[in-house]
Amino acid sequence: MIVLLFLSFIGLSAGSLLLLRLSPRLLIQAFAACIQRRQTHKPSIAKQIRHVKHQKKLKGWRATIAEAIAILKQTGNEQRTGFLFVLSLLLAVWGAILALLINNLWLLPVLAAAWR
């Protein structure tokens, strides 16, 4: 089914390009120019002020990572950041493997989170 959807998408795209007499190169150049214009567009002063005054609070994993980085900076262990993140990931994988080895899928999220 996915193959049929993909083939129909390619056929529809090719047909649209032929009807509009566009080459794929022109389409890519126009798309790149649009993205470039969007990146160079400066927000208004009001939007900049609103952004500075009302910054979004980080939630979930991003907040945890930002907090860990801040703590490592304060303690002077900033160079160990990458090592600790890799170690955390390896321990989570180890917990998941351990849960699979004892054939208990209900322990999979528990052990994966506990070993971190």
PDB file of N, CA and C in Angstrom:
ATOM      1  N   MET A   1       0.817  -1.192   0.000  1.00  0.00           N
ATOM      2  CA  MET A   1       0.000   0.000   0.000  1.00  0.00           C
ATOM      3  C   MET A   1       0.860   1.254   0.000  1.00  0.00           C
ATOM      4  N   ILE A   2       1.929   1.214   0.795  1.00  0.00           N
ATOM      5  CA  ILE A   2       2.812   2.375   0.869  1.00  0.00           C
ATOM      6  C   ILE A   2       3.495   2.611  -0.473  1.00  0.00           C
ATOM      7  N   VAL A   3       3.846   1.519  -1.146  1.00  0.00           N
ATOM      8  CA  VAL A   3       4.490   1.648  -2.454  1.00  0.00           C
ATOM      9  C   VAL A   3       3.533   2.303  -3.445  1.00  0.00           C
ATOM     10  N   LEU A   4       2.266   1.910  -3.406  1.00  0.00           N
ATOM     11  CA  LEU A   4       1.286   2.504  -4.313  1.00  0.00           C
ATOM     12  C   LEU A   4       1.104   3.995  -4.016  1.00  0.00           C
ATOM     13  N   LEU A   5       1.045   4.345  -2.742  1.00  0.00           N
ATOM     14  CA  LEU A   5       0.911   5.756  -2.388  1.00  0.00           C
ATOM     15  C   LEU A   5       2.137   6.556  -2.839  1.00  0.00           C
ATOM     16  N   PHE A   6       3.315   5.967  -2.667  1.00  0.00           N
ATOM     17  CA  PHE A   6       4.539   6.645  -3.080  1.00  0.00           C
ATOM     18  C   PHE A   6       4.572   6.831  -4.595  1.00  0.00           C
ATOM     19  N   LEU A   7       4.211   5.790  -5.327  1.00  0.00           N
ATOM     20  CA  LEU A   7       4.192   5.890  -6.793  1.00  0.00           C
ATOM     21  C   LEU A   7       3.154   6.913  -7.268  1.00  0.00           C
ATOM     22  N   SER A   8       2.007   6.957  -6.611  1.00  0.00           N
ATOM     23  CA  SER A   8       1.004   7.943  -7.012  1.00  0.00           C
ATOM     24  C   SER A   8       1.475   9.358  -6.695  1.00  0.00           C
ATOM     25  N   PHE A   9       2.191   9.531  -5.585  1.00  0.00           N
ATOM     26  CA  PHE A   9       2.741  10.843  -5.262  1.00  0.00           C
ATOM     27  C   PHE A   9       3.751  11.281  -6.319  1.00  0.00           C
ATOM     28  N   ILE A  10       4.629  10.368  -6.727  1.00  0.00           N
ATOM     29  CA  ILE A  10       5.627  10.708  -7.747  1.00  0.00           C
ATOM     30  C   ILE A  10       4.946  11.031  -9.072  1.00  0.00           C
ATOM     31  N   GLY A  11       3.935  10.249  -9.432  1.00  0.00           N
ATOM     32  CA  GLY A  11       3.219  10.515 -10.670  1.00  0.00           C
ATOM     33  C   GLY A  11       2.487  11.846 -10.635  1.00  0.00           C
ATOM     34  N   LEU A  12       1.858  12.151  -9.513  1.00  0.00           N
ATOM     35  CA  LEU A  12       1.150  13.420  -9.371  1.00  0.00           C
ATOM     36  C   LEU A  12       2.128  14.593  -9.409  1.00  0.00           C
ATOM     37  N   SER A  13       3.263  14.438  -8.760  1.00  0.00           N
ATOM     38  CA  SER A  13       4.273  15.504  -8.765  1.00  0.00           C
ATOM     39  C   SER A  13       4.825  15.724 -10.169  1.00  0.00           C
ATOM     40  N   ALA A  14       5.158  14.641 -10.850  1.00  0.00           N
ATOM     41  CA  ALA A  14       5.697  14.763 -12.204  1.00  0.00           C
ATOM     42  C   ALA A  14       4.653  15.373 -13.142  1.00  0.00           C
ATOM     43  N   GLY A  15       3.403  14.949 -13.020  1.00  0.00           N
ATOM     44  CA  GLY A  15       2.347  15.504 -13.858  1.00  0.00           C
ATOM     45  C   GLY A  15       2.139  16.991 -13.597  1.00  0.00           C
ATOM     46  N   SER A  16       2.191  17.393 -12.355  1.00  0.00           N
ATOM     47  CA  SER A  16       2.037  18.817 -12.024  1.00  0.00           C
ATOM     48  C   SER A  16       3.179  19.628 -12.610  1.00  0.00           C
ATOM     49  N   LEU A  17       4.387  19.111 -12.528  1.00  0.00           N
ATOM     50  CA  LEU A  17       5.532  19.832 -13.099  1.00  0.00           C
ATOM     51  C   LEU A  17       5.417  19.928 -14.617  1.00  0.00           C
ATOM     52  N   LEU A  18       4.951  18.871 -15.259  1.00  0.00           N
ATOM     53  CA  LEU A  18       4.792  18.906 -16.712  1.00  0.00           C
ATOM     54  C   LEU A  18       3.691  19.888 -17.126  1.00  0.00           C
ATOM     55  N   LEU A  19       2.579  19.903 -16.402  1.00  0.00           N
ATOM     56  CA  LEU A  19       1.492  20.820 -16.735  1.00  0.00           C
ATOM     57  C   LEU A  19       1.894  22.278 -16.546  1.00  0.00           C
ATOM     58  N   LEU A  20       2.678  22.543 -15.533  1.00  0.00           N
ATOM     59  CA  LEU A  20       3.111  23.916 -15.262  1.00  0.00           C
ATOM     60  C   LEU A  20       4.384  24.294 -16.016  1.00  0.00           C
ATOM     61  N   ARG A  21       4.916  23.354 -16.772  1.00  0.00           N
ATOM     62  CA  ARG A  21       6.134  23.548 -17.563  1.00  0.00           C
ATOM     63  C   ARG A  21       7.296  24.028 -16.691  1.00  0.00           C
ATOM     64  N   LEU A  22       7.469  23.327 -15.586  1.00  0.00           N
ATOM     65  CA  LEU A  22       8.570  23.619 -14.667  1.00  0.00           C
ATOM     66  C   LEU A  22       9.552  22.457 -14.665  1.00  0.00           C
ATOM     67  N   SER A  23      10.802  22.803 -14.494  1.00  0.00           N
ATOM     68  CA  SER A  23      11.787  21.745 -14.332  1.00  0.00           C
ATOM     69  C   SER A  23      12.027  21.562 -12.837  1.00  0.00           C
ATOM     70  N   PRO A  24      12.445  20.385 -12.431  1.00  0.00           N
ATOM     71  CA  PRO A  24      12.713  20.173 -11.014  1.00  0.00           C
ATOM     72  C   PRO A  24      13.785  21.132 -10.468  1.00  0.00           C
ATOM     73  N   ARG A  25      14.743  21.497 -11.316  1.00  0.00           N
ATOM     74  CA  ARG A  25      15.794  22.421 -10.887  1.00  0.00           C
ATOM     75  C   ARG A  25      15.209  23.796 -10.558  1.00  0.00           C
ATOM     76  N   LEU A  26      14.297  24.296 -11.411  1.00  0.00           N
ATOM     77  CA  LEU A  26      13.657  25.583 -11.136  1.00  0.00           C
ATOM     78  C   LEU A  26      12.824  25.536  -9.854  1.00  0.00           C
ATOM     79  N   LEU A  27      12.158  24.414  -9.633  1.00  0.00           N
ATOM     80  CA  LEU A  27      11.349  24.261  -8.428  1.00  0.00           C
ATOM     81  C   LEU A  27      12.236  24.290  -7.178  1.00  0.00           C
ATOM     82  N   ILE A  28      13.354  23.604  -7.229  1.00  0.00           N
ATOM     83  CA  ILE A  28      14.279  23.577  -6.088  1.00  0.00           C
ATOM     84  C   ILE A  28      14.876  24.958  -5.856  1.00  0.00           C
ATOM     85  N   GLN A  29      15.222  25.663  -6.934  1.00  0.00           N
ATOM     86  CA  GLN A  29      15.776  27.021  -6.786  1.00  0.00           C
ATOM     87  C   GLN A  29      14.748  27.970  -6.177  1.00  0.00           C
ATOM     88  N   ALA A  30      13.505  27.869  -6.601  1.00  0.00           N
ATOM     89  CA  ALA A  30      12.458  28.727  -6.049  1.00  0.00           C
ATOM     90  C   ALA A  30      12.210  28.409  -4.572  1.00  0.00           C
ATOM     91  N   PHE A  31      12.238  27.139  -4.239  1.00  0.00           N
ATOM     92  CA  PHE A  31      12.057  26.720  -2.847  1.00  0.00           C
ATOM     93  C   PHE A  31      13.206  27.224  -1.976  1.00  0.00           C
ATOM     94  N   ALA A  32      14.443  27.131  -2.483  1.00  0.00           N
ATOM     95  CA  ALA A  32      15.607  27.619  -1.734  1.00  0.00           C
ATOM     96  C   ALA A  32      15.545  29.126  -1.544  1.00  0.00           C
ATOM     97  N   ALA A  33      15.115  29.859  -2.576  1.00  0.00           N
ATOM     98  CA  ALA A  33      14.986  31.315  -2.460  1.00  0.00           C
ATOM     99  C   ALA A  33      13.924  31.683  -1.430  1.00  0.00           C
ATOM    100  N   CYS A  34      12.836  30.935  -1.399  1.00  0.00           N
ATOM    101  CA  CYS A  34      11.778  31.192  -0.419  1.00  0.00           C
ATOM    102  C   CYS A  34      12.283  30.968   1.003  1.00  0.00           C
ATOM    103  N   ILE A  35      13.009  29.912   1.213  1.00  0.00           N
ATOM    104  CA  ILE A  35      13.563  29.631   2.543  1.00  0.00           C
ATOM    105  C   ILE A  35      14.579  30.692   2.928  1.00  0.00           C
ATOM    106  N   GLN A  36      15.389  31.121   1.971  1.00  0.00           N
ATOM    107  CA  GLN A  36      16.402  32.139   2.256  1.00  0.00           C
ATOM    108  C   GLN A  36      15.746  33.467   2.632  1.00  0.00           C
ATOM    109  N   ARG A  37      14.672  33.844   1.936  1.00  0.00           N
ATOM    110  CA  ARG A  37      13.950  35.065   2.284  1.00  0.00           C
ATOM    111  C   ARG A  37      13.344  34.979   3.673  1.00  0.00           C
ATOM    112  N   ARG A  38      12.860  33.821   4.005  1.00  0.00           N
ATOM    113  CA  ARG A  38      12.243  33.619   5.311  1.00  0.00           C
ATOM    114  C   ARG A  38      13.263  33.736   6.439  1.00  0.00           C
ATOM    115  N   GLN A  39      14.480  33.257   6.197  1.00  0.00           N
ATOM    116  CA  GLN A  39      15.513  33.301   7.222  1.00  0.00           C
ATOM    117  C   GLN A  39      16.046  34.711   7.416  1.00  0.00           C
ATOM    118  N   THR A  40      16.054  35.518   6.384  1.00  0.00           N
ATOM    119  CA  THR A  40      16.591  36.868   6.503  1.00  0.00           C
ATOM    120  C   THR A  40      15.549  37.854   7.010  1.00  0.00           C
ATOM    121  N   HIS A  41      14.288  37.450   7.074  1.00  0.00           N
ATOM    122  CA  HIS A  41      13.219  38.318   7.559  1.00  0.00           C
ATOM    123  C   HIS A  41      13.389  38.555   9.056  1.00  0.00           C
ATOM    124  N   LYS A  42      13.477  39.847   9.453  1.00  0.00           N
ATOM    125  CA  LYS A  42      13.639  40.183  10.860  1.00  0.00           C
ATOM    126  C   LYS A  42      12.272  40.403  11.489  1.00  0.00           C
ATOM    127  N   PRO A  43      12.069  39.843  12.677  1.00  0.00           N
ATOM    128  CA  PRO A  43      10.783  40.102  13.347  1.00  0.00           C
ATOM    129  C   PRO A  43      10.700  41.556  13.814  1.00  0.00           C
ATOM    130  N   SER A  44       9.480  42.008  14.027  1.00  0.00           N
ATOM    131  CA  SER A  44       9.288  43.393  14.454  1.00  0.00           C
ATOM    132  C   SER A  44       9.801  43.587  15.873  1.00  0.00           C
ATOM    133  N   ILE A  45       9.989  44.851  16.249  1.00  0.00           N
ATOM    134  CA  ILE A  45      10.491  45.173  17.586  1.00  0.00           C
ATOM    135  C   ILE A  45       9.522  44.656  18.650  1.00  0.00           C
ATOM    136  N   ALA A  46       8.225  44.782  18.394  1.00  0.00           N
ATOM    137  CA  ALA A  46       7.232  44.321  19.363  1.00  0.00           C
ATOM    138  C   ALA A  46       7.364  42.811  19.605  1.00  0.00           C
ATOM    139  N   LYS A  47       7.562  42.044  18.535  1.00  0.00           N
ATOM    140  CA  LYS A  47       7.727  40.602  18.683  1.00  0.00           C
ATOM    141  C   LYS A  47       9.014  40.270  19.429  1.00  0.00           C
ATOM    142  N   GLN A  48      10.075  41.024  19.159  1.00  0.00           N
ATOM    143  CA  GLN A  48      11.337  40.782  19.864  1.00  0.00           C
ATOM    144  C   GLN A  48      11.188  41.055  21.354  1.00  0.00           C
ATOM    145  N   ILE A  49      10.493  42.138  21.705  1.00  0.00           N
ATOM    146  CA  ILE A  49      10.285  42.477  23.119  1.00  0.00           C
ATOM    147  C   ILE A  49       9.422  41.414  23.790  1.00  0.00           C
ATOM    148  N   ARG A  50       8.357  40.990  23.120  1.00  0.00           N
ATOM    149  CA  ARG A  50       7.497  39.950  23.670  1.00  0.00           C
ATOM    150  C   ARG A  50       8.268  38.655  23.902  1.00  0.00           C
ATOM    151  N   HIS A  51       9.158  38.339  22.964  1.00  0.00           N
ATOM    152  CA  HIS A  51       9.949  37.118  23.075  1.00  0.00           C
ATOM    153  C   HIS A  51      10.894  37.185  24.275  1.00  0.00           C
ATOM    154  N   VAL A  52      11.481  38.352  24.520  1.00  0.00           N
ATOM    155  CA  VAL A  52      12.411  38.504  25.637  1.00  0.00           C
ATOM    156  C   VAL A  52      11.660  38.490  26.966  1.00  0.00           C
ATOM    157  N   LYS A  53      10.505  39.137  27.012  1.00  0.00           N
ATOM    158  CA  LYS A  53       9.745  39.224  28.268  1.00  0.00           C
ATOM    159  C   LYS A  53       9.070  37.912  28.636  1.00  0.00           C
ATOM    160  N   HIS A  54       8.551  37.209  27.657  1.00  0.00           N
ATOM    161  CA  HIS A  54       7.761  36.005  27.925  1.00  0.00           C
ATOM    162  C   HIS A  54       8.405  34.786  27.285  1.00  0.00           C
ATOM    163  N   GLN A  55       9.565  34.417  27.788  1.00  0.00           N
ATOM    164  CA  GLN A  55      10.226  33.242  27.240  1.00  0.00           C
ATOM    165  C   GLN A  55       9.499  31.987  27.696  1.00  0.00           C
ATOM    166  N   LYS A  56       9.430  31.007  26.809  1.00  0.00           N
ATOM    167  CA  LYS A  56       8.768  29.755  27.144  1.00  0.00           C
ATOM    168  C   LYS A  56       9.641  28.967  28.122  1.00  0.00           C
ATOM    169  N   LYS A  57       8.985  28.373  29.104  1.00  0.00           N
ATOM    170  CA  LYS A  57       9.702  27.530  30.042  1.00  0.00           C
ATOM    171  C   LYS A  57       9.932  26.174  29.400  1.00  0.00           C
ATOM    172  N   LEU A  58      11.108  25.638  29.628  1.00  0.00           N
ATOM    173  CA  LEU A  58      11.413  24.312  29.110  1.00  0.00           C
ATOM    174  C   LEU A  58      10.666  23.268  29.915  1.00  0.00           C
ATOM    175  N   LYS A  59      10.205  22.219  29.234  1.00  0.00           N
ATOM    176  CA  LYS A  59       9.466  21.153  29.892  1.00  0.00           C
ATOM    177  C   LYS A  59      10.047  19.814  29.477  1.00  0.00           C
ATOM    178  N   GLY A  60       9.839  18.828  30.308  1.00  0.00           N
ATOM    179  CA  GLY A  60      10.205  17.457  29.980  1.00  0.00           C
ATOM    180  C   GLY A  60      11.707  17.248  29.887  1.00  0.00           C
ATOM    181  N   TRP A  61      12.094  16.542  28.824  1.00  0.00           N
ATOM    182  CA  TRP A  61      13.510  16.178  28.636  1.00  0.00           C
ATOM    183  C   TRP A  61      14.386  17.403  28.458  1.00  0.00           C
ATOM    184  N   ARG A  62      13.876  18.408  27.750  1.00  0.00           N
ATOM    185  CA  ARG A  62      14.686  19.610  27.519  1.00  0.00           C
ATOM    186  C   ARG A  62      15.013  20.306  28.828  1.00  0.00           C
ATOM    187  N   ALA A  63      14.056  20.371  29.740  1.00  0.00           N
ATOM    188  CA  ALA A  63      14.303  20.994  31.045  1.00  0.00           C
ATOM    189  C   ALA A  63      15.325  20.188  31.839  1.00  0.00           C
ATOM    190  N   THR A  64      15.217  18.873  31.780  1.00  0.00           N
ATOM    191  CA  THR A  64      16.159  18.017  32.500  1.00  0.00           C
ATOM    192  C   THR A  64      17.569  18.184  31.961  1.00  0.00           C
ATOM    193  N   ILE A  65      17.701  18.226  30.648  1.00  0.00           N
ATOM    194  CA  ILE A  65      19.019  18.377  30.036  1.00  0.00           C
ATOM    195  C   ILE A  65      19.599  19.748  30.354  1.00  0.00           C
ATOM    196  N   ALA A  66      18.777  20.801  30.261  1.00  0.00           N
ATOM    197  CA  ALA A  66      19.264  22.154  30.573  1.00  0.00           C
ATOM    198  C   ALA A  66      19.696  22.249  32.033  1.00  0.00           C
ATOM    199  N   GLU A  67      18.948  21.623  32.930  1.00  0.00           N
ATOM    200  CA  GLU A  67      19.301  21.641  34.344  1.00  0.00           C
ATOM    201  C   GLU A  67      20.601  20.880  34.595  1.00  0.00           C
ATOM    202  N   ALA A  68      20.767  19.737  33.946  1.00  0.00           N
ATOM    203  CA  ALA A  68      21.996  18.961  34.110  1.00  0.00           C
ATOM    204  C   ALA A  68      23.204  19.739  33.602  1.00  0.00           C
ATOM    205  N   ILE A  69      23.048  20.404  32.468  1.00  0.00           N
ATOM    206  CA  ILE A  69      24.158  21.197  31.921  1.00  0.00           C
ATOM    207  C   ILE A  69      24.494  22.353  32.857  1.00  0.00           C
ATOM    208  N   ALA A  70      23.479  22.999  33.415  1.00  0.00           N
ATOM    209  CA  ALA A  70      23.717  24.110  34.342  1.00  0.00           C
ATOM    210  C   ALA A  70      24.447  23.629  35.590  1.00  0.00           C
ATOM    211  N   ILE A  71      24.061  22.473  36.113  1.00  0.00           N
ATOM    212  CA  ILE A  71      24.719  21.935  37.308  1.00  0.00           C
ATOM    213  C   ILE A  71      26.167  21.576  36.996  1.00  0.00           C
ATOM    214  N   LEU A  72      26.395  20.974  35.830  1.00  0.00           N
ATOM    215  CA  LEU A  72      27.771  20.618  35.468  1.00  0.00           C
ATOM    216  C   LEU A  72      28.633  21.865  35.277  1.00  0.00           C
ATOM    217  N   LYS A  73      28.068  22.942  34.759  1.00  0.00           N
ATOM    218  CA  LYS A  73      28.819  24.193  34.614  1.00  0.00           C
ATOM    219  C   LYS A  73      29.171  24.772  35.968  1.00  0.00           C
ATOM    220  N   GLN A  74      28.211  24.732  36.897  1.00  0.00           N
ATOM    221  CA  GLN A  74      28.443  25.294  38.226  1.00  0.00           C
ATOM    222  C   GLN A  74      29.495  24.514  38.998  1.00  0.00           C
ATOM    223  N   THR A  75      29.552  23.212  38.800  1.00  0.00           N
ATOM    224  CA  THR A  75      30.523  22.395  39.522  1.00  0.00           C
ATOM    225  C   THR A  75      31.859  22.312  38.810  1.00  0.00           C
ATOM    226  N   GLY A  76      31.948  22.890  37.628  1.00  0.00           N
ATOM    227  CA  GLY A  76      33.216  22.890  36.902  1.00  0.00           C
ATOM    228  C   GLY A  76      33.470  21.626  36.109  1.00  0.00           C
ATOM    229  N   ASN A  77      32.460  20.809  35.900  1.00  0.00           N
ATOM    230  CA  ASN A  77      32.606  19.556  35.150  1.00  0.00           C
ATOM    231  C   ASN A  77      31.955  19.640  33.781  1.00  0.00           C
ATOM    232  N   GLU A  78      32.021  20.800  33.165  1.00  0.00           N
ATOM    233  CA  GLU A  78      31.361  21.014  31.878  1.00  0.00           C
ATOM    234  C   GLU A  78      31.919  20.101  30.783  1.00  0.00           C
ATOM    235  N   GLN A  79      33.185  19.737  30.870  1.00  0.00           N
ATOM    236  CA  GLN A  79      33.804  18.903  29.835  1.00  0.00           C
ATOM    237  C   GLN A  79      33.278  17.465  29.881  1.00  0.00           C
ATOM    238  N   ARG A  80      32.617  17.059  30.968  1.00  0.00           N
ATOM    239  CA  ARG A  80      32.111  15.692  31.102  1.00  0.00           C
ATOM    240  C   ARG A  80      30.666  15.555  30.624  1.00  0.00           C
ATOM    241  N   THR A  81      30.084  16.598  30.083  1.00  0.00           N
ATOM    242  CA  THR A  81      28.678  16.592  29.696  1.00  0.00           C
ATOM    243  C   THR A  81      28.374  15.478  28.694  1.00  0.00           C
ATOM    244  N   GLY A  82      29.121  15.412  27.631  1.00  0.00           N
ATOM    245  CA  GLY A  82      28.890  14.401  26.595  1.00  0.00           C
ATOM    246  C   GLY A  82      29.034  12.994  27.143  1.00  0.00           C
ATOM    247  N   PHE A  83      30.071  12.783  27.957  1.00  0.00           N
ATOM    248  CA  PHE A  83      30.307  11.467  28.540  1.00  0.00           C
ATOM    249  C   PHE A  83      29.130  11.034  29.411  1.00  0.00           C
ATOM    250  N   LEU A  84      28.613  11.950  30.221  1.00  0.00           N
ATOM    251  CA  LEU A  84      27.503  11.603  31.106  1.00  0.00           C
ATOM    252  C   LEU A  84      26.221  11.329  30.333  1.00  0.00           C
ATOM    253  N   PHE A  85      25.988  12.039  29.237  1.00  0.00           N
ATOM    254  CA  PHE A  85      24.799  11.771  28.423  1.00  0.00           C
ATOM    255  C   PHE A  85      24.900  10.414  27.740  1.00  0.00           C
ATOM    256  N   VAL A  86      26.084  10.090  27.233  1.00  0.00           N
ATOM    257  CA  VAL A  86      26.272   8.783  26.590  1.00  0.00           C
ATOM    258  C   VAL A  86      26.144   7.670  27.622  1.00  0.00           C
ATOM    259  N   LEU A  87      26.712   7.868  28.806  1.00  0.00           N
ATOM    260  CA  LEU A  87      26.608   6.875  29.869  1.00  0.00           C
ATOM    261  C   LEU A  87      25.145   6.662  30.273  1.00  0.00           C
ATOM    262  N   SER A  88      24.392   7.739  30.359  1.00  0.00           N
ATOM    263  CA  SER A  88      22.971   7.641  30.698  1.00  0.00           C
ATOM    264  C   SER A  88      22.211   6.837  29.643  1.00  0.00           C
ATOM    265  N   LEU A  89      22.513   7.093  28.383  1.00  0.00           N
ATOM    266  CA  LEU A  89      21.852   6.353  27.305  1.00  0.00           C
ATOM    267  C   LEU A  89      22.222   4.876  27.349  1.00  0.00           C
ATOM    268  N   LEU A  90      23.498   4.573  27.567  1.00  0.00           N
ATOM    269  CA  LEU A  90      23.938   3.177  27.632  1.00  0.00           C
ATOM    270  C   LEU A  90      23.290   2.440  28.805  1.00  0.00           C
ATOM    271  N   LEU A  91      23.157   3.104  29.934  1.00  0.00           N
ATOM    272  CA  LEU A  91      22.514   2.464  31.081  1.00  0.00           C
ATOM    273  C   LEU A  91      21.021   2.243  30.831  1.00  0.00           C
ATOM    274  N   ALA A  92      20.371   3.157  30.125  1.00  0.00           N
ATOM    275  CA  ALA A  92      18.964   2.967  29.778  1.00  0.00           C
ATOM    276  C   ALA A  92      18.795   1.773  28.841  1.00  0.00           C
ATOM    277  N   VAL A  93      19.705   1.645  27.877  1.00  0.00           N
ATOM    278  CA  VAL A  93      19.660   0.504  26.963  1.00  0.00           C
ATOM    279  C   VAL A  93      19.915  -0.787  27.739  1.00  0.00           C
ATOM    280  N   TRP A  94      20.857  -0.749  28.677  1.00  0.00           N
ATOM    281  CA  TRP A  94      21.151  -1.924  29.488  1.00  0.00           C
ATOM    282  C   TRP A  94      19.915  -2.337  30.295  1.00  0.00           C
ATOM    283  N   GLY A  95      19.195  -1.397  30.857  1.00  0.00           N
ATOM    284  CA  GLY A  95      17.975  -1.714  31.596  1.00  0.00           C
ATOM    285  C   GLY A  95      16.925  -2.339  30.698  1.00  0.00           C
ATOM    286  N   ALA A  96      16.793  -1.828  29.479  1.00  0.00           N
ATOM    287  CA  ALA A  96      15.829  -2.398  28.532  1.00  0.00           C
ATOM    288  C   ALA A  96      16.221  -3.824  28.145  1.00  0.00           C
ATOM    289  N   ILE A  97      17.502  -4.050  27.925  1.00  0.00           N
ATOM    290  CA  ILE A  97      17.975  -5.399  27.565  1.00  0.00           C
ATOM    291  C   ILE A  97      17.750  -6.362  28.726  1.00  0.00           C
ATOM    292  N   LEU A  98      18.011  -5.903  29.933  1.00  0.00           N
ATOM    293  CA  LEU A  98      17.803  -6.744  31.109  1.00  0.00           C
ATOM    294  C   LEU A  98      16.338  -7.141  31.241  1.00  0.00           C
ATOM    295  N   ALA A  99      15.432  -6.207  31.019  1.00  0.00           N
ATOM    296  CA  ALA A  99      14.000  -6.521  31.088  1.00  0.00           C
ATOM    297  C   ALA A  99      13.612  -7.530  30.009  1.00  0.00           C
ATOM    298  N   LEU A 100      14.203  -7.410  28.826  1.00  0.00           N
ATOM    299  CA  LEU A 100      13.899  -8.358  27.754  1.00  0.00           C
ATOM    300  C   LEU A 100      14.485  -9.735  28.039  1.00  0.00           C
ATOM    301  N   LEU A 101      15.665  -9.771  28.681  1.00  0.00           N
ATOM    302  CA  LEU A 101      16.289 -11.058  29.000  1.00  0.00           C
ATOM    303  C   LEU A 101      15.479 -11.853  30.013  1.00  0.00           C
ATOM    304  N   ILE A 102      14.822 -11.194  30.921  1.00  0.00           N
ATOM    305  CA  ILE A 102      14.018 -11.928  31.899  1.00  0.00           C
ATOM    306  C   ILE A 102      12.558 -12.058  31.435  1.00  0.00           C
ATOM    307  N   ASN A 103      12.310 -11.734  30.194  1.00  0.00           N
ATOM    308  CA  ASN A 103      10.989 -11.878  29.561  1.00  0.00           C
ATOM    309  C   ASN A 103       9.883 -11.170  30.334  1.00  0.00           C
ATOM    310  N   ASN A 104      10.134  -9.943  30.733  1.00  0.00           N
ATOM    311  CA  ASN A 104       9.120  -9.173  31.443  1.00  0.00           C
ATOM    312  C   ASN A 104       9.011  -7.810  30.761  1.00  0.00           C
ATOM    313  N   LEU A 105       8.048  -7.698  29.852  1.00  0.00           N
ATOM    314  CA  LEU A 105       7.890  -6.458  29.100  1.00  0.00           C
ATOM    315  C   LEU A 105       7.373  -5.315  29.971  1.00  0.00           C
ATOM    316  N   TRP A 106       6.696  -5.647  31.078  1.00  0.00           N
ATOM    317  CA  TRP A 106       6.193  -4.601  31.960  1.00  0.00           C
ATOM    318  C   TRP A 106       7.333  -3.898  32.685  1.00  0.00           C
ATOM    319  N   LEU A 107       8.449  -4.574  32.840  1.00  0.00           N
ATOM    320  CA  LEU A 107       9.612  -3.956  33.490  1.00  0.00           C
ATOM    321  C   LEU A 107      10.455  -3.140  32.529  1.00  0.00           C
ATOM    322  N   LEU A 108      10.166  -3.220  31.257  1.00  0.00           N
ATOM    323  CA  LEU A 108      10.980  -2.530  30.256  1.00  0.00           C
ATOM    324  C   LEU A 108      11.084  -1.025  30.517  1.00  0.00           C
ATOM    325  N   PRO A 109       9.993  -0.280  30.650  1.00  0.00           N
ATOM    326  CA  PRO A 109      10.157   1.161  30.907  1.00  0.00           C
ATOM    327  C   PRO A 109      10.719   1.449  32.293  1.00  0.00           C
ATOM    328  N   VAL A 110      10.392   0.588  33.258  1.00  0.00           N
ATOM    329  CA  VAL A 110      10.865   0.815  34.623  1.00  0.00           C
ATOM    330  C   VAL A 110      12.377   0.678  34.698  1.00  0.00           C
ATOM    331  N   LEU A 111      12.896  -0.417  34.179  1.00  0.00           N
ATOM    332  CA  LEU A 111      14.347  -0.625  34.231  1.00  0.00           C
ATOM    333  C   LEU A 111      15.105   0.319  33.317  1.00  0.00           C
ATOM    334  N   ALA A 112      14.514   0.666  32.191  1.00  0.00           N
ATOM    335  CA  ALA A 112      15.180   1.604  31.290  1.00  0.00           C
ATOM    336  C   ALA A 112      15.324   2.975  31.951  1.00  0.00           C
ATOM    337  N   ALA A 113      14.332   3.379  32.727  1.00  0.00           N
ATOM    338  CA  ALA A 113      14.392   4.671  33.403  1.00  0.00           C
ATOM    339  C   ALA A 113      15.217   4.576  34.684  1.00  0.00           C
ATOM    340  N   ALA A 114      15.193   3.440  35.365  1.00  0.00           N
ATOM    341  CA  ALA A 114      15.875   3.303  36.645  1.00  0.00           C
ATOM    342  C   ALA A 114      17.401   3.266  36.477  1.00  0.00           C
ATOM    343  N   TRP A 115      17.891   2.701  35.405  1.00  0.00           N
ATOM    344  CA  TRP A 115      19.332   2.572  35.218  1.00  0.00           C
ATOM    345  C   TRP A 115      19.956   3.884  34.777  1.00  0.00           C
ATOM    346  N   ARG A 116      19.143   4.858  34.388  1.00  0.00           N
ATOM    347  CA  ARG A 116      19.698   6.137  33.954  1.00  0.00           C
ATOM    348  C   ARG A 116      20.292   6.837  35.111  1.00  0.00           C
TER     349      ARG A 116
END
